[in-house]
Amino acid sequence: MTNSAQTGQTAAGVREFKMPDVGEGLTEAEILKWYVRPGDTVTDGQVVCEVETAKAAVELPIPFNGLVHELRFEEGTTVDVGTPIITVDTGGPATGTGAGDASAAQPAMETGAGAAAQVAEEAAAASTETAATETAATGAAATGAEAEAEPEGRQPVLVGYGVGTSSTKRRPRKPVPGAGAPPASGPEAPSAPAAPAPAAEPGSNGHGAARPLAKPPVRKLAKDLGVDLTAVTPTGPDGIITRDDVHAAAAPPETGPAPTAPEPTAAPAAAAAAEPAAAGARETRIPVKGVRKATAQAMVDSAFTAPHVTEFVTVDVTRTMKLVSELKQDPDMAGVRVNPLLFVAKAFLLAIRRNPEVNASWDEERQEIVRKHYVNLGIAAATPRGLIVPNIKDAQDKTLPELASALGELVTTAREGRTSPAAMSGGTVTITNVGVFGVDTGTPILNRGESAILAFGQIREQPWVHKGKVKPRHVTTLALSFDHRLVDGELGSKVLADIAAVLERPKRLMTWG
């Protein structure tokens, strides 16, 4: 598969860059922001726009050099995968990029691979991995044999396959005062040829002002915190803006104590996307898109496909809390976060080992139950973009320190908006920690394709009968929802009882393990 699949030629020397599939079979993405305008000079690997799919926000690099000729869509437009979104005047002759023109396809392939490699190298240097770099590296590595084996009628894209056949959908967007969004232009209103612009300096946006140097994850963090990177003083090598720089810019000046607003506990992404309400308005309409749209569809599919059953148990976790305090001082656990959620996860994994039938999925098409001999443990995480559920791959094989490290990395990555699409796929069971919101328990809805989800409630001190006497003990409530097609009442009860037994007496992690 060559890069010519994702770019094309129009007029003499004008090449198209098409919306790539930056996830796993995704069919559309929304253009969040353009970093270039018509007339700007772009270079191979330069980020030209940021897009959001149902799974992640991704910055897209252009795979060739030239002058921006036309931006096909405005910011806020949802575009189908495979649709040209920008054209660039490369200054070369008009040549085809089909399978019959090997001489044109080969340079395109090398250019695309170079762009992908550059993005992957940037992410590796920052010890992070965005969804764009992960999928671009996969697409560049798979270039060879796939191009020859492609069946007729299927159009290859930058990464994977998934070109939709429906027409592009545009969402209405109110103009924002002061925003420099370029007007969209199309076939009916061709734009005038842009005057040649002088070559831009590295990092330049083509308008004389240097574009701040920052890694894609740092740009995402700045966007989430509302920080203008052009106003940030860089402290990294070669003038690169670091995460600490962004956090420092976001920190309010110390002018004395001020009343603090309650922290939002739900729908942060939706609230951020709301249009400013007019004075006296009785309603505010919020577009449903991105992560929230995907989550809503998944919950509807799950709720009306899998027959849910939820069971509850209240358990004394005083011994577990004591063990948590002891392990925080243990040198073997230095550098990792030890908390009650770690032991809930370990107890859940042990319960699955003792009751492996619970770790399964339902294959409706083939009318089969698929038993999983691995556990990809999902952890529900609230992020600025909405609720996501990344999972820890092969969690059943991890030791307690390894599980603690994986949990810490998963939560940090999710909060910083760096969770990749691959990290959110393939889950088998999930834990949702509603206790952090001061809630005792709930009736969680299964993630689509999974068999069980455990709700972990708040741990509170309350009177409890212990050894025949009423004493203050640390108590929590657990709720286990499961797919009744896969898990009957007996099996579900055994799993929940095992989790509660381990949390009540954590030494069972050794005697049962």
Protein backbone atom coordinates (compact mmCIF):
# COMPACT_ATOMS: atom_id res chain seq x y z
CA MET A 1 0.00 0.00 0.00
CA THR A 2 1.59 3.24 -1.10
CA ASN A 3 1.02 6.74 0.07
CA SER A 4 -0.58 7.55 -3.28
CA ALA A 5 -3.72 5.99 -1.85
CA GLN A 6 -3.97 8.78 0.64
CA THR A 7 -2.86 11.57 -1.69
CA GLY A 8 -3.72 12.35 -5.29
CA GLN A 9 -3.10 14.77 -8.15
CA THR A 10 -5.63 17.30 -9.42
CA ALA A 11 -4.30 20.16 -11.54
CA ALA A 12 -0.68 20.43 -12.61
CA GLY A 13 1.46 19.99 -9.50
CA VAL A 14 -1.50 20.18 -7.06
CA ARG A 15 -1.80 17.18 -4.75
CA GLU A 16 -4.65 16.17 -2.49
CA PHE A 17 -4.29 14.95 1.09
CA LYS A 18 -7.18 12.73 2.13
CA MET A 19 -8.64 12.11 5.58
CA PRO A 20 -6.82 8.98 6.82
CA ASP A 21 -8.21 6.22 9.02
CA VAL A 22 -6.36 7.09 12.23
CA GLY A 23 -8.07 4.41 14.30
CA GLU A 24 -9.25 0.86 13.83
CA GLY A 25 -11.77 0.90 11.00
CA LEU A 26 -13.20 4.34 11.88
CA THR A 27 -15.18 5.92 9.06
CA GLU A 28 -15.14 9.62 9.91
CA ALA A 29 -13.35 12.33 11.88
CA GLU A 30 -14.10 15.93 12.83
CA ILE A 31 -11.64 18.67 11.93
CA LEU A 32 -10.95 20.46 15.21
CA LYS A 33 -8.34 23.00 14.09
CA TRP A 34 -6.34 24.01 11.04
CA TYR A 35 -2.71 24.98 11.62
CA VAL A 36 -2.18 26.28 8.07
CA ARG A 37 -3.95 28.53 5.58
CA PRO A 38 -3.89 28.91 1.80
CA GLY A 39 -0.50 30.26 0.71
CA ASP A 40 1.41 28.77 3.65
CA THR A 41 4.54 26.74 2.97
CA VAL A 42 4.40 23.17 4.33
CA THR A 43 7.09 20.53 4.59
CA ASP A 44 7.03 16.73 4.71
CA GLY A 45 5.89 15.69 8.20
CA GLN A 46 4.53 19.10 9.25
CA VAL A 47 1.29 18.95 11.26
CA VAL A 48 -1.44 20.73 9.28
CA CYS A 49 -4.55 20.02 11.34
CA GLU A 50 -5.98 18.31 14.40
CA VAL A 51 -8.92 15.92 14.05
CA GLU A 52 -11.07 14.05 16.54
CA THR A 53 -12.48 10.57 16.04
CA ALA A 54 -14.76 8.60 18.32
CA LYS A 55 -11.66 7.39 20.15
CA ALA A 56 -8.95 10.03 20.18
CA ALA A 57 -7.80 13.51 19.15
CA VAL A 58 -4.99 13.25 16.58
CA GLU A 59 -2.70 15.69 14.77
CA LEU A 60 -2.21 14.93 11.06
CA PRO A 61 1.13 15.50 9.28
CA ILE A 62 1.29 16.32 5.58
CA PRO A 63 3.42 13.81 3.62
CA PHE A 64 4.95 16.21 1.05
CA ASN A 65 6.38 19.72 0.54
CA GLY A 66 4.70 22.66 -1.17
CA LEU A 67 2.31 25.62 -0.84
CA VAL A 68 -1.18 25.18 0.60
CA HIS A 69 -3.58 25.63 -2.29
CA GLU A 70 -6.98 25.03 -0.69
CA LEU A 71 -8.61 23.94 2.58
CA ARG A 72 -11.64 21.89 1.61
CA PHE A 73 -13.51 22.01 4.94
CA GLU A 74 -14.03 24.39 7.82
CA GLU A 75 -13.17 23.64 11.43
CA GLY A 76 -15.98 21.70 13.10
CA THR A 77 -16.86 19.73 9.95
CA THR A 78 -17.15 15.95 10.14
CA VAL A 79 -15.45 14.37 7.13
CA ASP A 80 -15.57 10.79 5.85
CA VAL A 81 -12.33 8.82 5.73
CA GLY A 82 -10.82 8.98 2.23
CA THR A 83 -12.23 12.44 1.43
CA PRO A 84 -9.66 15.08 0.32
CA ILE A 85 -9.36 17.74 3.02
CA ILE A 86 -6.49 19.90 1.73
CA THR A 87 -4.67 20.47 -1.57
CA VAL A 88 -1.01 21.45 -1.86
CA ASP A 89 0.84 22.89 -4.86
CA THR A 90 4.03 20.85 -4.99
CA GLY A 91 5.33 22.65 -8.08
CA GLY A 92 5.74 19.40 -10.05
CA PRO A 93 4.11 18.17 -13.29
CA ALA A 94 0.69 16.56 -13.19
CA THR A 95 1.13 12.81 -12.98
CA GLY A 96 -1.14 9.95 -12.09
CA THR A 97 -0.84 8.08 -8.84
CA GLY A 98 -2.62 4.90 -9.78
CA ALA A 99 -1.26 1.39 -9.77
CA GLY A 100 0.00 1.77 -13.33
CA ASP A 101 2.41 4.61 -12.49
CA ALA A 102 5.07 2.91 -10.42
CA SER A 103 7.54 5.76 -10.81
CA ALA A 104 5.14 8.20 -9.12
CA ALA A 105 3.93 5.75 -6.49
CA GLN A 106 7.41 4.89 -5.21
CA PRO A 107 8.41 8.46 -4.20
CA ALA A 108 4.98 8.92 -2.63
CA MET A 109 5.47 5.77 -0.59
CA GLU A 110 8.86 6.93 0.64
CA THR A 111 7.50 10.36 1.53
CA GLY A 112 4.57 8.91 3.48
CA ALA A 113 6.84 6.52 5.35
CA GLY A 114 9.15 9.40 6.22
CA ALA A 115 6.26 11.40 7.64
CA ALA A 116 5.06 8.46 9.67
CA ALA A 117 8.56 7.76 10.96
CA GLN A 118 9.02 11.40 11.95
CA VAL A 119 5.79 11.43 13.95
CA ALA A 120 6.64 8.12 15.63
CA GLU A 121 10.12 9.42 16.55
CA GLU A 122 8.61 12.53 18.12
CA ALA A 123 6.25 10.47 20.26
CA ALA A 124 9.02 8.09 21.34
CA ALA A 125 11.22 11.00 22.39
CA ALA A 126 8.43 12.26 24.65
CA SER A 127 7.90 8.73 26.09
CA THR A 128 4.34 8.86 24.85
CA GLU A 129 2.42 7.27 22.05
CA THR A 130 -0.50 9.02 20.43
CA ALA A 131 -3.08 7.25 18.35
CA ALA A 132 -1.75 8.99 15.21
CA THR A 133 1.79 7.75 15.62
CA GLU A 134 0.73 4.26 16.58
CA THR A 135 -1.50 3.74 13.59
CA ALA A 136 0.81 5.59 11.16
CA ALA A 137 3.73 3.36 12.14
CA THR A 138 1.56 0.30 11.57
CA GLY A 139 0.46 1.56 8.15
CA ALA A 140 4.02 2.36 7.07
CA ALA A 141 5.25 -1.11 8.09
CA ALA A 142 2.48 -2.87 6.20
CA THR A 143 3.09 -1.08 2.90
CA GLY A 144 4.66 -3.91 0.89
CA ALA A 145 2.49 -6.96 0.27
CA GLU A 146 -0.88 -5.34 0.97
CA ALA A 147 -0.76 -3.21 -2.17
CA GLU A 148 -0.52 -6.31 -4.38
CA ALA A 149 -3.19 -8.25 -2.48
CA GLU A 150 -5.88 -5.56 -2.45
CA PRO A 151 -9.17 -6.69 -4.00
CA GLU A 152 -10.74 -4.50 -6.65
CA GLY A 153 -13.11 -1.83 -5.43
CA ARG A 154 -11.49 -1.31 -2.04
CA GLN A 155 -9.76 2.03 -1.65
CA PRO A 156 -6.67 1.99 0.58
CA VAL A 157 -6.10 4.85 3.00
CA LEU A 158 -3.15 6.04 5.05
CA VAL A 159 -3.68 3.51 7.83
CA GLY A 160 -5.88 0.41 7.59
CA TYR A 161 -9.17 0.41 5.68
CA GLY A 162 -12.53 1.92 6.30
CA VAL A 163 -13.45 4.45 3.61
CA GLY A 164 -17.12 5.28 3.96
CA THR A 165 -19.46 5.52 0.99
CA SER A 166 -21.82 8.09 2.45
CA SER A 167 -21.56 11.76 1.62
CA THR A 168 -19.71 14.13 3.88
CA LYS A 169 -21.78 15.43 6.77
CA ARG A 170 -21.42 19.03 7.81
CA ARG A 171 -22.44 20.21 11.23
CA PRO A 172 -23.63 23.79 11.70
CA ARG A 173 -21.11 25.89 13.57
CA LYS A 174 -21.58 29.41 14.78
CA PRO A 175 -18.77 31.81 13.90
CA VAL A 176 -16.62 32.72 16.88
CA PRO A 177 -15.60 36.37 17.07
CA GLY A 178 -11.89 36.79 16.53
CA ALA A 179 -11.38 33.25 15.28
CA GLY A 180 -9.31 32.97 12.18
CA ALA A 181 -11.02 29.93 10.69
CA PRO A 182 -10.58 29.96 6.92
CA PRO A 183 -13.71 29.77 4.78
CA ALA A 184 -14.36 26.45 3.17
CA SER A 185 -14.20 26.34 -0.58
CA GLY A 186 -15.33 23.66 -2.95
CA PRO A 187 -15.92 22.93 -6.61
CA GLU A 188 -18.71 25.51 -6.92
CA ALA A 189 -16.55 28.35 -5.61
CA PRO A 190 -12.96 27.77 -6.68
CA SER A 191 -10.45 29.82 -4.84
CA ALA A 192 -8.04 32.07 -6.67
CA PRO A 193 -4.51 30.72 -7.05
CA ALA A 194 -2.48 31.67 -4.01
CA ALA A 195 0.49 33.92 -4.58
CA PRO A 196 3.81 32.19 -3.97
CA ALA A 197 4.95 32.68 -0.39
CA PRO A 198 8.53 32.82 0.78
CA ALA A 199 9.90 29.70 2.38
CA ALA A 200 8.94 29.55 6.02
CA GLU A 201 11.42 29.08 8.80
CA PRO A 202 11.24 25.79 10.73
CA GLY A 203 8.16 25.89 12.94
CA SER A 204 6.71 28.85 11.06
CA ASN A 205 2.99 29.02 10.38
CA GLY A 206 3.51 30.84 7.10
CA HIS A 207 2.38 34.25 8.38
CA GLY A 208 5.68 35.45 9.74
CA ALA A 209 5.06 34.27 13.31
CA ALA A 210 6.91 31.17 14.47
CA ARG A 211 4.65 28.27 15.45
CA PRO A 212 5.48 27.16 19.01
CA LEU A 213 7.51 23.97 19.16
CA ALA A 214 5.74 21.27 21.18
CA LYS A 215 5.05 17.56 20.99
CA PRO A 216 1.50 16.51 20.02
CA PRO A 217 0.63 15.36 23.59
CA VAL A 218 1.76 18.73 24.94
CA ARG A 219 -0.43 20.53 22.38
CA LYS A 220 -3.38 18.39 23.48
CA LEU A 221 -2.69 19.20 27.13
CA ALA A 222 -2.53 22.93 26.33
CA LYS A 223 -5.83 22.72 24.47
CA ASP A 224 -7.52 20.93 27.38
CA LEU A 225 -6.22 23.51 29.86
CA GLY A 226 -7.04 26.46 27.60
CA VAL A 227 -3.42 27.60 27.32
CA ASP A 228 -2.22 29.58 24.28
CA LEU A 229 1.12 28.04 23.34
CA THR A 230 2.30 31.27 21.70
CA ALA A 231 2.24 32.90 25.15
CA VAL A 232 4.19 30.10 26.87
CA THR A 233 7.90 30.51 27.62
CA PRO A 234 9.64 27.27 26.60
CA THR A 235 12.24 25.68 28.88
CA GLY A 236 12.95 22.49 26.92
CA PRO A 237 15.92 21.89 24.64
CA ASP A 238 15.93 23.84 21.34
CA GLY A 239 13.02 25.97 22.55
CA ILE A 240 10.55 23.07 22.91
CA ILE A 241 7.57 23.65 25.21
CA THR A 242 7.26 20.95 27.90
CA ARG A 243 4.32 19.76 30.00
CA ASP A 244 5.69 21.67 32.99
CA ASP A 245 5.68 24.85 30.90
CA VAL A 246 2.00 24.34 30.05
CA HIS A 247 1.06 23.60 33.67
CA ALA A 248 2.97 26.67 34.81
CA ALA A 249 1.14 28.84 32.29
CA ALA A 250 -2.21 27.39 33.35
CA ALA A 251 -1.59 27.98 37.05
CA PRO A 252 -3.46 31.06 38.32
CA PRO A 253 -1.43 33.84 39.94
CA GLU A 254 -1.30 33.67 43.71
CA THR A 255 -3.47 36.62 44.73
CA GLY A 256 -4.91 35.20 47.90
CA PRO A 257 -7.59 32.66 48.69
CA ALA A 258 -10.62 32.60 46.45
CA PRO A 259 -13.81 30.56 46.58
CA THR A 260 -13.47 27.32 44.65
CA ALA A 261 -16.17 25.96 42.39
CA PRO A 262 -17.19 22.31 42.82
CA GLU A 263 -15.28 19.97 40.54
CA PRO A 264 -17.43 18.61 37.70
CA THR A 265 -18.10 14.91 38.05
CA ALA A 266 -19.84 14.23 34.76
CA ALA A 267 -19.94 15.35 31.14
CA PRO A 268 -16.84 17.62 31.20
CA ALA A 269 -16.43 17.33 27.44
CA ALA A 270 -20.05 18.18 26.74
CA ALA A 271 -19.95 21.21 29.02
CA ALA A 272 -16.83 22.50 27.31
CA ALA A 273 -18.43 22.13 23.89
CA ALA A 274 -21.57 24.08 24.75
CA GLU A 275 -22.16 27.33 22.93
CA PRO A 276 -22.28 30.40 25.22
CA ALA A 277 -25.85 30.77 26.41
CA ALA A 278 -27.60 34.06 25.80
CA ALA A 279 -28.75 36.01 28.84
CA GLY A 280 -32.02 34.57 30.08
CA ALA A 281 -31.82 31.50 27.84
CA ARG A 282 -33.83 28.55 29.19
CA GLU A 283 -32.01 25.86 27.21
CA THR A 284 -28.54 25.13 25.85
CA ARG A 285 -28.00 22.66 23.02
CA ILE A 286 -24.74 20.70 23.05
CA PRO A 287 -23.58 18.81 19.94
CA VAL A 288 -23.12 15.08 20.58
CA LYS A 289 -19.88 14.00 18.95
CA GLY A 290 -16.51 12.41 19.52
CA VAL A 291 -16.09 10.32 22.66
CA ARG A 292 -19.53 11.20 24.03
CA LYS A 293 -21.23 10.08 20.82
CA ALA A 294 -19.34 6.79 20.78
CA THR A 295 -20.03 6.18 24.48
CA ALA A 296 -23.73 6.88 24.08
CA GLN A 297 -24.05 4.49 21.15
CA ALA A 298 -22.10 1.77 22.96
CA MET A 299 -24.28 2.08 26.07
CA VAL A 300 -27.50 1.89 24.04
CA ASP A 301 -26.24 -1.14 22.13
CA SER A 302 -25.22 -2.87 25.36
CA ALA A 303 -28.34 -2.03 27.36
CA PHE A 304 -30.69 -3.28 24.65
CA THR A 305 -28.63 -6.30 23.59
CA ALA A 306 -27.31 -7.93 26.76
CA PRO A 307 -29.82 -8.81 29.51
CA HIS A 308 -28.29 -7.16 32.57
CA VAL A 309 -28.36 -8.51 36.11
CA THR A 310 -26.77 -6.61 39.02
CA GLU A 311 -25.91 -8.05 42.43
CA PHE A 312 -24.64 -6.21 45.51
CA VAL A 313 -22.54 -6.99 48.57
CA THR A 314 -21.35 -4.87 51.47
CA VAL A 315 -17.99 -5.87 52.89
CA ASP A 316 -15.62 -4.95 55.73
CA VAL A 317 -12.34 -3.88 54.09
CA THR A 318 -10.51 -2.77 57.23
CA ARG A 319 -7.74 -5.36 56.76
CA THR A 320 -7.26 -4.28 53.15
CA MET A 321 -6.94 -0.63 54.18
CA LYS A 322 -4.33 -1.60 56.77
CA LEU A 323 -2.39 -3.53 54.10
CA VAL A 324 -2.55 -0.54 51.76
CA SER A 325 -0.98 1.65 54.46
CA GLU A 326 1.78 -0.89 55.08
CA LEU A 327 2.64 -1.34 51.39
CA LYS A 328 2.95 2.40 50.88
CA GLN A 329 6.02 2.19 53.13
CA ASP A 330 7.38 -0.96 51.46
CA PRO A 331 10.58 -0.34 49.41
CA ASP A 332 9.44 -2.98 46.88
CA MET A 333 6.44 -0.77 46.04
CA ALA A 334 8.43 2.44 45.77
CA GLY A 335 7.58 4.50 42.71
CA VAL A 336 4.10 3.03 42.20
CA ARG A 337 0.76 4.15 43.56
CA VAL A 338 -0.76 1.81 46.14
CA ASN A 339 -4.47 2.35 46.76
CA PRO A 340 -7.63 0.32 47.42
CA LEU A 341 -8.44 0.14 43.69
CA LEU A 342 -5.26 -1.92 43.21
CA PHE A 343 -6.57 -4.59 45.57
CA VAL A 344 -10.06 -4.51 44.07
CA ALA A 345 -8.45 -5.18 40.67
CA LYS A 346 -6.30 -7.99 42.08
CA ALA A 347 -9.33 -9.52 43.83
CA PHE A 348 -11.36 -9.37 40.60
CA LEU A 349 -8.57 -11.11 38.68
CA LEU A 350 -8.35 -13.85 41.32
CA ALA A 351 -12.13 -14.33 41.24
CA ILE A 352 -11.96 -14.76 37.46
CA ARG A 353 -9.19 -17.33 37.85
CA ARG A 354 -11.41 -19.29 40.26
CA ASN A 355 -14.47 -18.86 38.02
CA PRO A 356 -13.10 -18.68 34.44
CA GLU A 357 -16.54 -19.09 32.83
CA VAL A 358 -17.34 -15.47 33.69
CA ASN A 359 -14.63 -14.19 31.34
CA ALA A 360 -16.42 -14.67 28.02
CA SER A 361 -18.30 -12.95 25.21
CA TRP A 362 -21.40 -13.71 23.16
CA ASP A 363 -21.03 -14.27 19.40
CA GLU A 364 -24.51 -13.53 18.08
CA GLU A 365 -23.71 -14.26 14.45
CA ARG A 366 -22.28 -17.72 15.08
CA GLN A 367 -24.40 -18.41 18.17
CA GLU A 368 -21.36 -19.28 20.27
CA ILE A 369 -19.98 -18.39 23.68
CA VAL A 370 -16.33 -17.37 23.38
CA ARG A 371 -14.31 -18.15 26.52
CA LYS A 372 -11.32 -15.85 27.01
CA HIS A 373 -8.11 -17.33 28.45
CA TYR A 374 -6.75 -13.84 29.07
CA VAL A 375 -8.08 -10.84 30.98
CA ASN A 376 -7.91 -7.35 29.48
CA LEU A 377 -9.01 -5.40 32.55
CA GLY A 378 -10.79 -2.14 31.73
CA ILE A 379 -10.73 0.84 34.10
CA ALA A 380 -13.37 3.52 33.54
CA ALA A 381 -11.70 6.96 33.56
CA ALA A 382 -13.27 10.42 33.50
CA THR A 383 -11.31 12.72 31.17
CA PRO A 384 -11.81 16.24 29.76
CA ARG A 385 -13.15 14.60 26.58
CA GLY A 386 -15.63 12.35 28.39
CA LEU A 387 -15.69 8.87 29.90
CA ILE A 388 -13.29 6.36 28.35
CA VAL A 389 -12.41 2.78 29.29
CA PRO A 390 -8.81 1.87 28.47
CA ASN A 391 -7.73 -1.61 29.51
CA ILE A 392 -4.66 -3.37 30.87
CA LYS A 393 -3.68 -6.14 28.47
CA ASP A 394 -3.10 -9.62 29.95
CA ALA A 395 -3.70 -8.32 33.46
CA GLN A 396 -3.95 -11.88 34.81
CA ASP A 397 -0.19 -12.35 34.40
CA LYS A 398 0.90 -9.24 36.30
CA THR A 399 2.34 -9.21 39.80
CA LEU A 400 1.05 -6.70 42.34
CA PRO A 401 3.82 -4.13 41.60
CA GLU A 402 3.34 -4.61 37.84
CA LEU A 403 -0.42 -4.17 38.16
CA ALA A 404 0.09 -1.03 40.28
CA SER A 405 2.44 0.42 37.65
CA ALA A 406 0.03 -0.41 34.81
CA LEU A 407 -2.90 1.20 36.67
CA GLY A 408 -0.91 4.37 37.33
CA GLU A 409 0.20 4.67 33.72
CA LEU A 410 -3.31 4.00 32.42
CA VAL A 411 -4.90 6.71 34.57
CA THR A 412 -2.18 9.28 33.84
CA THR A 413 -2.34 8.65 30.10
CA ALA A 414 -6.14 8.94 30.09
CA ARG A 415 -6.21 12.23 32.02
CA GLU A 416 -3.63 13.76 29.68
CA GLY A 417 -5.66 12.77 26.62
CA ARG A 418 -2.98 10.41 25.28
CA THR A 419 -4.95 7.15 25.34
CA SER A 420 -4.63 5.37 21.99
CA PRO A 421 -7.52 3.60 20.23
CA ALA A 422 -5.72 0.27 20.69
CA ALA A 423 -5.70 0.77 24.47
CA MET A 424 -9.50 1.07 24.45
CA SER A 425 -10.24 -2.05 22.42
CA GLY A 426 -10.34 -5.72 23.30
CA GLY A 427 -11.51 -5.38 26.92
CA THR A 428 -13.05 -8.42 28.63
CA VAL A 429 -14.22 -7.07 32.04
CA THR A 430 -14.25 -3.59 33.61
CA ILE A 431 -14.03 -1.84 36.97
CA THR A 432 -15.72 1.53 37.54
CA ASN A 433 -14.64 3.35 40.70
CA VAL A 434 -17.72 5.40 41.59
CA GLY A 435 -16.48 5.77 45.16
CA VAL A 436 -14.23 8.68 44.16
CA PHE A 437 -17.40 10.75 43.71
CA GLY A 438 -18.66 9.92 47.22
CA VAL A 439 -21.16 7.35 45.88
CA ASP A 440 -21.84 4.06 47.66
CA THR A 441 -22.61 2.01 44.55
CA GLY A 442 -24.61 1.87 41.32
CA THR A 443 -25.92 -0.43 38.60
CA PRO A 444 -23.25 -0.12 35.91
CA ILE A 445 -23.98 -0.90 32.24
CA LEU A 446 -21.73 -3.42 30.55
CA ASN A 447 -19.23 -2.30 27.97
CA ARG A 448 -20.26 -3.70 24.61
CA GLY A 449 -18.80 -7.18 24.07
CA GLU A 450 -17.85 -7.70 27.72
CA SER A 451 -19.35 -10.10 30.23
CA ALA A 452 -19.11 -8.24 33.55
CA ILE A 453 -18.47 -4.84 35.13
CA LEU A 454 -17.71 -4.21 38.81
CA ALA A 455 -18.72 -0.97 40.57
CA PHE A 456 -16.48 -0.10 43.53
CA GLY A 457 -18.17 2.25 45.99
CA GLN A 458 -16.89 4.70 48.55
CA ILE A 459 -15.05 3.33 51.59
CA ARG A 460 -16.44 4.85 54.74
CA GLU A 461 -16.03 4.22 58.46
CA GLN A 462 -19.23 2.99 60.09
CA PRO A 463 -20.43 0.77 62.92
CA TRP A 464 -19.90 -2.92 62.14
CA VAL A 465 -20.20 -6.12 64.13
CA HIS A 466 -16.68 -7.54 64.44
CA LYS A 467 -15.93 -10.54 66.67
CA GLY A 468 -19.22 -10.14 68.45
CA LYS A 469 -18.79 -6.44 69.19
CA VAL A 470 -19.90 -3.29 67.43
CA LYS A 471 -16.82 -1.41 66.31
CA PRO A 472 -16.00 1.30 63.76
CA ARG A 473 -14.79 -0.47 60.61
CA HIS A 474 -13.99 0.53 57.03
CA VAL A 475 -16.86 -0.68 54.84
CA THR A 476 -17.63 -0.52 51.13
CA THR A 477 -20.33 -1.77 48.76
CA LEU A 478 -19.59 -3.65 45.54
CA ALA A 479 -21.99 -4.12 42.63
CA LEU A 480 -21.44 -6.63 39.83
CA SER A 481 -23.43 -6.35 36.59
CA PHE A 482 -23.18 -9.27 34.18
CA ASP A 483 -24.62 -10.54 30.90
CA HIS A 484 -27.27 -13.09 31.88
CA ARG A 485 -26.84 -14.92 28.56
CA LEU A 486 -23.31 -15.82 29.66
CA VAL A 487 -23.45 -15.68 33.44
CA ASP A 488 -26.25 -17.20 35.48
CA GLY A 489 -27.10 -16.17 39.04
CA GLU A 490 -24.95 -18.84 40.65
CA LEU A 491 -21.81 -17.96 38.72
CA GLY A 492 -22.29 -14.23 39.19
CA SER A 493 -22.82 -14.70 42.92
CA LYS A 494 -19.67 -16.80 43.24
CA VAL A 495 -17.57 -14.17 41.48
CA LEU A 496 -18.88 -11.33 43.65
CA ALA A 497 -18.54 -13.39 46.84
CA ASP A 498 -14.91 -14.23 45.98
CA ILE A 499 -14.06 -10.55 45.40
CA ALA A 500 -15.64 -9.61 48.75
CA ALA A 501 -13.84 -12.46 50.55
CA VAL A 502 -10.43 -11.33 49.27
CA LEU A 503 -11.04 -7.72 50.27
CA GLU A 504 -12.21 -8.81 53.71
CA ARG A 505 -9.12 -11.00 54.22
CA PRO A 506 -6.44 -9.98 51.69
CA LYS A 507 -4.17 -12.87 52.77
CA ARG A 508 -6.40 -14.96 50.51
CA LEU A 509 -4.46 -13.45 47.60
CA MET A 510 -1.70 -15.86 48.69
CA THR A 511 -3.72 -18.84 49.95
CA TRP A 512 -6.11 -18.87 46.96
CA GLY A 513 -3.60 -17.75 44.36
